[in-house]
PDB file of N, CA and C in Angstrom:
ATOM      1  N   UNK A   1      22.744   0.128   3.696  1.00  0.00           N
ATOM      2  CA  UNK A   1      22.223  -0.338   4.973  1.00  0.00           C
ATOM      3  C   UNK A   1      22.795  -1.731   5.247  1.00  0.00           C
ATOM      4  N   UNK A   2      23.301  -1.947   6.431  1.00  0.00           N
ATOM      5  CA  UNK A   2      23.885  -3.234   6.819  1.00  0.00           C
ATOM      6  C   UNK A   2      22.788  -4.284   6.979  1.00  0.00           C
ATOM      7  N   UNK A   3      23.153  -5.544   6.789  1.00  0.00           N
ATOM      8  CA  UNK A   3      22.186  -6.638   6.874  1.00  0.00           C
ATOM      9  C   UNK A   3      21.498  -6.682   8.239  1.00  0.00           C
ATOM     10  N   UNK A   4      22.236  -6.419   9.317  1.00  0.00           N
ATOM     11  CA  UNK A   4      21.606  -6.435  10.642  1.00  0.00           C
ATOM     12  C   UNK A   4      20.608  -5.293  10.795  1.00  0.00           C
ATOM     13  N   UNK A   5      20.858  -4.162  10.126  1.00  0.00           N
ATOM     14  CA  UNK A   5      19.894  -3.065  10.162  1.00  0.00           C
ATOM     15  C   UNK A   5      18.593  -3.478   9.480  1.00  0.00           C
ATOM     16  N   UNK A   6      18.715  -4.189   8.375  1.00  0.00           N
ATOM     17  CA  UNK A   6      17.538  -4.658   7.648  1.00  0.00           C
ATOM     18  C   UNK A   6      16.767  -5.661   8.498  1.00  0.00           C
ATOM     19  N   UNK A   7      17.496  -6.596   9.110  1.00  0.00           N
ATOM     20  CA  UNK A   7      16.841  -7.599   9.963  1.00  0.00           C
ATOM     21  C   UNK A   7      16.160  -6.947  11.162  1.00  0.00           C
ATOM     22  N   UNK A   8      16.837  -5.974  11.762  1.00  0.00           N
ATOM     23  CA  UNK A   8      16.289  -5.254  12.908  1.00  0.00           C
ATOM     24  C   UNK A   8      14.985  -4.557  12.513  1.00  0.00           C
ATOM     25  N   UNK A   9      15.017  -3.864  11.391  1.00  0.00           N
ATOM     26  CA  UNK A   9      13.832  -3.145  10.890  1.00  0.00           C
ATOM     27  C   UNK A   9      12.703  -4.134  10.603  1.00  0.00           C
ATOM     28  N   UNK A  10      13.026  -5.254   9.958  1.00  0.00           N
ATOM     29  CA  UNK A  10      12.011  -6.247   9.607  1.00  0.00           C
ATOM     30  C   UNK A  10      11.352  -6.833  10.853  1.00  0.00           C
ATOM     31  N   UNK A  11      12.145  -7.109  11.875  1.00  0.00           N
ATOM     32  CA  UNK A  11      11.590  -7.661  13.116  1.00  0.00           C
ATOM     33  C   UNK A  11      10.648  -6.662  13.777  1.00  0.00           C
ATOM     34  N   UNK A  12      11.061  -5.422  13.842  1.00  0.00           N
ATOM     35  CA  UNK A  12      10.225  -4.389  14.463  1.00  0.00           C
ATOM     36  C   UNK A  12       8.931  -4.182  13.673  1.00  0.00           C
ATOM     37  N   UNK A  13       9.032  -4.138  12.352  1.00  0.00           N
ATOM     38  CA  UNK A  13       7.841  -3.953  11.522  1.00  0.00           C
ATOM     39  C   UNK A  13       6.894  -5.145  11.626  1.00  0.00           C
ATOM     40  N   UNK A  14       7.443  -6.339  11.705  1.00  0.00           N
ATOM     41  CA  UNK A  14       6.605  -7.528  11.874  1.00  0.00           C
ATOM     42  C   UNK A  14       5.855  -7.464  13.198  1.00  0.00           C
ATOM     43  N   UNK A  15       6.543  -7.047  14.240  1.00  0.00           N
ATOM     44  CA  UNK A  15       5.900  -6.925  15.554  1.00  0.00           C
ATOM     45  C   UNK A  15       4.765  -5.913  15.495  1.00  0.00           C
ATOM     46  N   UNK A  16       5.011  -4.788  14.840  1.00  0.00           N
ATOM     47  CA  UNK A  16       3.970  -3.761  14.717  1.00  0.00           C
ATOM     48  C   UNK A  16       2.786  -4.283  13.908  1.00  0.00           C
ATOM     49  N   UNK A  17       3.078  -5.021  12.828  1.00  0.00           N
ATOM     50  CA  UNK A  17       2.022  -5.585  11.994  1.00  0.00           C
ATOM     51  C   UNK A  17       1.144  -6.536  12.800  1.00  0.00           C
ATOM     52  N   UNK A  18       1.760  -7.240  13.727  1.00  0.00           N
ATOM     53  CA  UNK A  18       1.024  -8.166  14.582  1.00  0.00           C
ATOM     54  C   UNK A  18       0.287  -7.446  15.706  1.00  0.00           C
ATOM     55  N   UNK A  19       0.550  -6.158  15.860  1.00  0.00           N
ATOM     56  CA  UNK A  19      -0.126  -5.375  16.896  1.00  0.00           C
ATOM     57  C   UNK A  19       0.365  -5.683  18.296  1.00  0.00           C
ATOM     58  N   UNK A  20       1.650  -6.036  18.416  1.00  0.00           N
ATOM     59  CA  UNK A  20       2.208  -6.411  19.711  1.00  0.00           C
ATOM     60  C   UNK A  20       3.223  -5.389  20.200  1.00  0.00           C
ATOM     61  N   UNK A  21       3.318  -5.258  21.504  1.00  0.00           N
ATOM     62  CA  UNK A  21       4.396  -4.474  22.093  1.00  0.00           C
ATOM     63  C   UNK A  21       5.646  -5.349  22.105  1.00  0.00           C
ATOM     64  N   UNK A  22       6.790  -4.742  22.337  1.00  0.00           N
ATOM     65  CA  UNK A  22       8.030  -5.516  22.420  1.00  0.00           C
ATOM     66  C   UNK A  22       7.935  -6.544  23.545  1.00  0.00           C
ATOM     67  N   UNK A  23       7.330  -6.170  24.638  1.00  0.00           N
ATOM     68  CA  UNK A  23       7.172  -7.078  25.773  1.00  0.00           C
ATOM     69  C   UNK A  23       6.289  -8.272  25.411  1.00  0.00           C
ATOM     70  N   UNK A  24       5.193  -8.011  24.705  1.00  0.00           N
ATOM     71  CA  UNK A  24       4.293  -9.090  24.288  1.00  0.00           C
ATOM     72  C   UNK A  24       4.977 -10.021  23.284  1.00  0.00           C
ATOM     73  N   UNK A  25       5.755  -9.425  22.378  1.00  0.00           N
ATOM     74  CA  UNK A  25       6.466 -10.239  21.382  1.00  0.00           C
ATOM     75  C   UNK A  25       7.484 -11.137  22.072  1.00  0.00           C
ATOM     76  N   UNK A  26       8.207 -10.584  23.039  1.00  0.00           N
ATOM     77  CA  UNK A  26       9.182 -11.383  23.788  1.00  0.00           C
ATOM     78  C   UNK A  26       8.481 -12.559  24.459  1.00  0.00           C
ATOM     79  N   UNK A  27       7.326 -12.301  25.036  1.00  0.00           N
ATOM     80  CA  UNK A  27       6.572 -13.363  25.710  1.00  0.00           C
ATOM     81  C   UNK A  27       6.149 -14.436  24.707  1.00  0.00           C
ATOM     82  N   UNK A  28       5.664 -14.029  23.541  1.00  0.00           N
ATOM     83  CA  UNK A  28       5.235 -14.994  22.525  1.00  0.00           C
ATOM     84  C   UNK A  28       6.400 -15.827  22.018  1.00  0.00           C
ATOM     85  N   UNK A  29       7.592 -15.235  21.982  1.00  0.00           N
ATOM     86  CA  UNK A  29       8.781 -15.949  21.534  1.00  0.00           C
ATOM     87  C   UNK A  29       9.478 -16.674  22.685  1.00  0.00           C
ATOM     88  N   UNK A  30       8.876 -16.579  23.876  1.00  0.00           N
ATOM     89  CA  UNK A  30       9.400 -17.255  25.065  1.00  0.00           C
ATOM     90  C   UNK A  30      10.864 -16.876  25.331  1.00  0.00           C
ATOM     91  N   UNK A  31      11.103 -15.585  25.314  1.00  0.00           N
ATOM     92  CA  UNK A  31      12.457 -15.084  25.536  1.00  0.00           C
ATOM     93  C   UNK A  31      12.409 -13.887  26.477  1.00  0.00           C
ATOM     94  N   UNK A  32      13.443 -13.639  27.232  1.00  0.00           N
ATOM     95  CA  UNK A  32      13.453 -12.466  28.111  1.00  0.00           C
ATOM     96  C   UNK A  32      13.295 -11.171  27.295  1.00  0.00           C
ATOM     97  N   UNK A  33      12.600 -10.225  27.882  1.00  0.00           N
ATOM     98  CA  UNK A  33      12.346  -8.955  27.204  1.00  0.00           C
ATOM     99  C   UNK A  33      13.637  -8.295  26.746  1.00  0.00           C
ATOM    100  N   UNK A  34      14.632  -8.274  27.607  1.00  0.00           N
ATOM    101  CA  UNK A  34      15.908  -7.609  27.268  1.00  0.00           C
ATOM    102  C   UNK A  34      16.575  -8.279  26.060  1.00  0.00           C
ATOM    103  N   UNK A  35      16.482  -9.588  25.984  1.00  0.00           N
ATOM    104  CA  UNK A  35      17.040 -10.314  24.838  1.00  0.00           C
ATOM    105  C   UNK A  35      16.311  -9.911  23.569  1.00  0.00           C
ATOM    106  N   UNK A  36      14.974  -9.894  23.647  1.00  0.00           N
ATOM    107  CA  UNK A  36      14.189  -9.483  22.472  1.00  0.00           C
ATOM    108  C   UNK A  36      14.546  -8.054  22.066  1.00  0.00           C
ATOM    109  N   UNK A  37      14.652  -7.190  23.050  1.00  0.00           N
ATOM    110  CA  UNK A  37      15.011  -5.794  22.776  1.00  0.00           C
ATOM    111  C   UNK A  37      16.338  -5.711  22.011  1.00  0.00           C
ATOM    112  N   UNK A  38      17.307  -6.503  22.423  1.00  0.00           N
ATOM    113  CA  UNK A  38      18.595  -6.530  21.728  1.00  0.00           C
ATOM    114  C   UNK A  38      18.442  -7.038  20.294  1.00  0.00           C
ATOM    115  N   UNK A  39      17.615  -8.056  20.108  1.00  0.00           N
ATOM    116  CA  UNK A  39      17.385  -8.561  18.743  1.00  0.00           C
ATOM    117  C   UNK A  39      16.810  -7.457  17.871  1.00  0.00           C
ATOM    118  N   UNK A  40      15.817  -6.751  18.422  1.00  0.00           N
ATOM    119  CA  UNK A  40      15.159  -5.711  17.635  1.00  0.00           C
ATOM    120  C   UNK A  40      16.092  -4.532  17.369  1.00  0.00           C
ATOM    121  N   UNK A  41      16.956  -4.240  18.310  1.00  0.00           N
ATOM    122  CA  UNK A  41      17.872  -3.108  18.169  1.00  0.00           C
ATOM    123  C   UNK A  41      19.066  -3.449  17.283  1.00  0.00           C
ATOM    124  N   UNK A  42      19.622  -4.644  17.478  1.00  0.00           N
ATOM    125  CA  UNK A  42      20.857  -5.016  16.772  1.00  0.00           C
ATOM    126  C   UNK A  42      20.626  -5.879  15.535  1.00  0.00           C
ATOM    127  N   UNK A  43      19.484  -6.534  15.457  1.00  0.00           N
ATOM    128  CA  UNK A  43      19.164  -7.348  14.294  1.00  0.00           C
ATOM    129  C   UNK A  43      19.895  -8.673  14.216  1.00  0.00           C
ATOM    130  N   UNK A  44      20.585  -9.046  15.279  1.00  0.00           N
ATOM    131  CA  UNK A  44      21.311 -10.328  15.244  1.00  0.00           C
ATOM    132  C   UNK A  44      20.576 -11.368  16.083  1.00  0.00           C
ATOM    133  N   UNK A  45      19.492 -11.869  15.526  1.00  0.00           N
ATOM    134  CA  UNK A  45      18.692 -12.876  16.216  1.00  0.00           C
ATOM    135  C   UNK A  45      18.803 -14.206  15.479  1.00  0.00           C
ATOM    136  N   UNK A  46      18.550 -15.313  16.178  1.00  0.00           N
ATOM    137  CA  UNK A  46      18.641 -16.636  15.550  1.00  0.00           C
ATOM    138  C   UNK A  46      17.627 -16.790  14.412  1.00  0.00           C
ATOM    139  N   UNK A  47      17.984 -17.573  13.427  1.00  0.00           N
ATOM    140  CA  UNK A  47      17.097 -17.802  12.283  1.00  0.00           C
ATOM    141  C   UNK A  47      15.740 -18.339  12.675  1.00  0.00           C
ATOM    142  N   UNK A  48      15.693 -19.137  13.717  1.00  0.00           N
ATOM    143  CA  UNK A  48      14.421 -19.696  14.156  1.00  0.00           C
ATOM    144  C   UNK A  48      13.463 -18.588  14.610  1.00  0.00           C
ATOM    145  N   UNK A  49      13.988 -17.493  15.109  1.00  0.00           N
ATOM    146  CA  UNK A  49      13.136 -16.370  15.515  1.00  0.00           C
ATOM    147  C   UNK A  49      12.476 -15.766  14.279  1.00  0.00           C
ATOM    148  N   UNK A  50      13.252 -15.578  13.236  1.00  0.00           N
ATOM    149  CA  UNK A  50      12.683 -15.059  11.994  1.00  0.00           C
ATOM    150  C   UNK A  50      11.585 -15.967  11.463  1.00  0.00           C
ATOM    151  N   UNK A  51      11.808 -17.264  11.523  1.00  0.00           N
ATOM    152  CA  UNK A  51      10.800 -18.224  11.069  1.00  0.00           C
ATOM    153  C   UNK A  51       9.545 -18.158  11.934  1.00  0.00           C
ATOM    154  N   UNK A  52       9.718 -18.042  13.237  1.00  0.00           N
ATOM    155  CA  UNK A  52       8.570 -17.950  14.143  1.00  0.00           C
ATOM    156  C   UNK A  52       7.754 -16.697  13.869  1.00  0.00           C
ATOM    157  N   UNK A  53       8.430 -15.591  13.611  1.00  0.00           N
ATOM    158  CA  UNK A  53       7.737 -14.339  13.316  1.00  0.00           C
ATOM    159  C   UNK A  53       6.957 -14.466  11.999  1.00  0.00           C
ATOM    160  N   UNK A  54       7.561 -15.095  11.008  1.00  0.00           N
ATOM    161  CA  UNK A  54       6.866 -15.308   9.732  1.00  0.00           C
ATOM    162  C   UNK A  54       5.613 -16.150   9.936  1.00  0.00           C
ATOM    163  N   UNK A  55       5.698 -17.182  10.771  1.00  0.00           N
ATOM    164  CA  UNK A  55       4.533 -18.017  11.057  1.00  0.00           C
ATOM    165  C   UNK A  55       3.436 -17.225  11.772  1.00  0.00           C
ATOM    166  N   UNK A  56       3.826 -16.354  12.698  1.00  0.00           N
ATOM    167  CA  UNK A  56       2.832 -15.532  13.398  1.00  0.00           C
ATOM    168  C   UNK A  56       2.130 -14.589  12.416  1.00  0.00           C
ATOM    169  N   UNK A  57       2.899 -14.015  11.482  1.00  0.00           N
ATOM    170  CA  UNK A  57       2.305 -13.125  10.487  1.00  0.00           C
ATOM    171  C   UNK A  57       1.331 -13.891   9.590  1.00  0.00           C
ATOM    172  N   UNK A  58       1.730 -15.077   9.150  1.00  0.00           N
ATOM    173  CA  UNK A  58       0.857 -15.891   8.296  1.00  0.00           C
ATOM    174  C   UNK A  58      -0.403 -16.288   9.048  1.00  0.00           C
ATOM    175  N   UNK A  59      -0.269 -16.642  10.315  1.00  0.00           N
ATOM    176  CA  UNK A  59      -1.419 -16.991  11.138  1.00  0.00           C
ATOM    177  C   UNK A  59      -2.393 -15.825  11.230  1.00  0.00           C
ATOM    178  N   UNK A  60      -1.874 -14.630  11.411  1.00  0.00           N
ATOM    179  CA  UNK A  60      -2.735 -13.450  11.494  1.00  0.00           C
ATOM    180  C   UNK A  60      -3.481 -13.237  10.177  1.00  0.00           C
ATOM    181  N   UNK A  61      -2.780 -13.398   9.052  1.00  0.00           N
ATOM    182  CA  UNK A  61      -3.422 -13.230   7.740  1.00  0.00           C
ATOM    183  C   UNK A  61      -4.513 -14.280   7.527  1.00  0.00           C
ATOM    184  N   UNK A  62      -4.242 -15.524   7.916  1.00  0.00           N
ATOM    185  CA  UNK A  62      -5.233 -16.588   7.757  1.00  0.00           C
ATOM    186  C   UNK A  62      -6.462 -16.345   8.620  1.00  0.00           C
ATOM    187  N   UNK A  63      -6.256 -15.882   9.837  1.00  0.00           N
ATOM    188  CA  UNK A  63      -7.395 -15.575  10.712  1.00  0.00           C
ATOM    189  C   UNK A  63      -8.255 -14.474  10.106  1.00  0.00           C
ATOM    190  N   UNK A  64      -7.621 -13.461   9.533  1.00  0.00           N
ATOM    191  CA  UNK A  64      -8.367 -12.367   8.891  1.00  0.00           C
ATOM    192  C   UNK A  64      -9.154 -12.896   7.696  1.00  0.00           C
ATOM    193  N   UNK A  65      -8.567 -13.793   6.948  1.00  0.00           N
ATOM    194  CA  UNK A  65      -9.250 -14.390   5.795  1.00  0.00           C
ATOM    195  C   UNK A  65     -10.467 -15.186   6.244  1.00  0.00           C
ATOM    196  N   UNK A  66     -10.321 -15.969   7.283  1.00  0.00           N
ATOM    197  CA  UNK A  66     -11.446 -16.772   7.794  1.00  0.00           C
ATOM    198  C   UNK A  66     -12.545 -15.846   8.298  1.00  0.00           C
ATOM    199  N   UNK A  67     -12.193 -14.798   9.003  1.00  0.00           N
ATOM    200  CA  UNK A  67     -13.211 -13.836   9.482  1.00  0.00           C
ATOM    201  C   UNK A  67     -13.963 -13.208   8.312  1.00  0.00           C
ATOM    202  N   UNK A  68     -13.236 -12.884   7.242  1.00  0.00           N
ATOM    203  CA  UNK A  68     -13.863 -12.262   6.071  1.00  0.00           C
ATOM    204  C   UNK A  68     -14.801 -13.224   5.354  1.00  0.00           C
ATOM    205  N   UNK A  69     -14.570 -14.513   5.488  1.00  0.00           N
ATOM    206  CA  UNK A  69     -15.390 -15.508   4.800  1.00  0.00           C
ATOM    207  C   UNK A  69     -16.620 -15.919   5.597  1.00  0.00           C
ATOM    208  N   UNK A  70     -16.693 -15.527   6.850  1.00  0.00           N
ATOM    209  CA  UNK A  70     -17.847 -15.910   7.679  1.00  0.00           C
ATOM    210  C   UNK A  70     -19.100 -15.207   7.181  1.00  0.00           C
ATOM    211  N   UNK A  71     -20.230 -15.949   7.200  1.00  0.00           N
ATOM    212  CA  UNK A  71     -21.486 -15.308   6.800  1.00  0.00           C
ATOM    213  C   UNK A  71     -21.929 -14.274   7.841  1.00  0.00           C
ATOM    214  N   UNK A  72     -22.696 -13.372   7.436  1.00  0.00           N
ATOM    215  CA  UNK A  72     -23.170 -12.299   8.329  1.00  0.00           C
ATOM    216  C   UNK A  72     -24.068 -12.785   9.391  1.00  0.00           C
TER     217      UNK A  72
END
């Protein structure tokens, strides 16, 4: 599998994990939908996008942890 295929798959899976549509993800990354679509399809996106997606995933995990720690 080519590196761009791996990156493409990882971006799509991260978006799904976050529960976002491609359109919503593009909006969160402040990029045109078509550009995001190309990133997800071709896997050639800027490194900062990968970092932003990782931060969104970590934020989601932290929010879930805080919810789990709340008293009943």
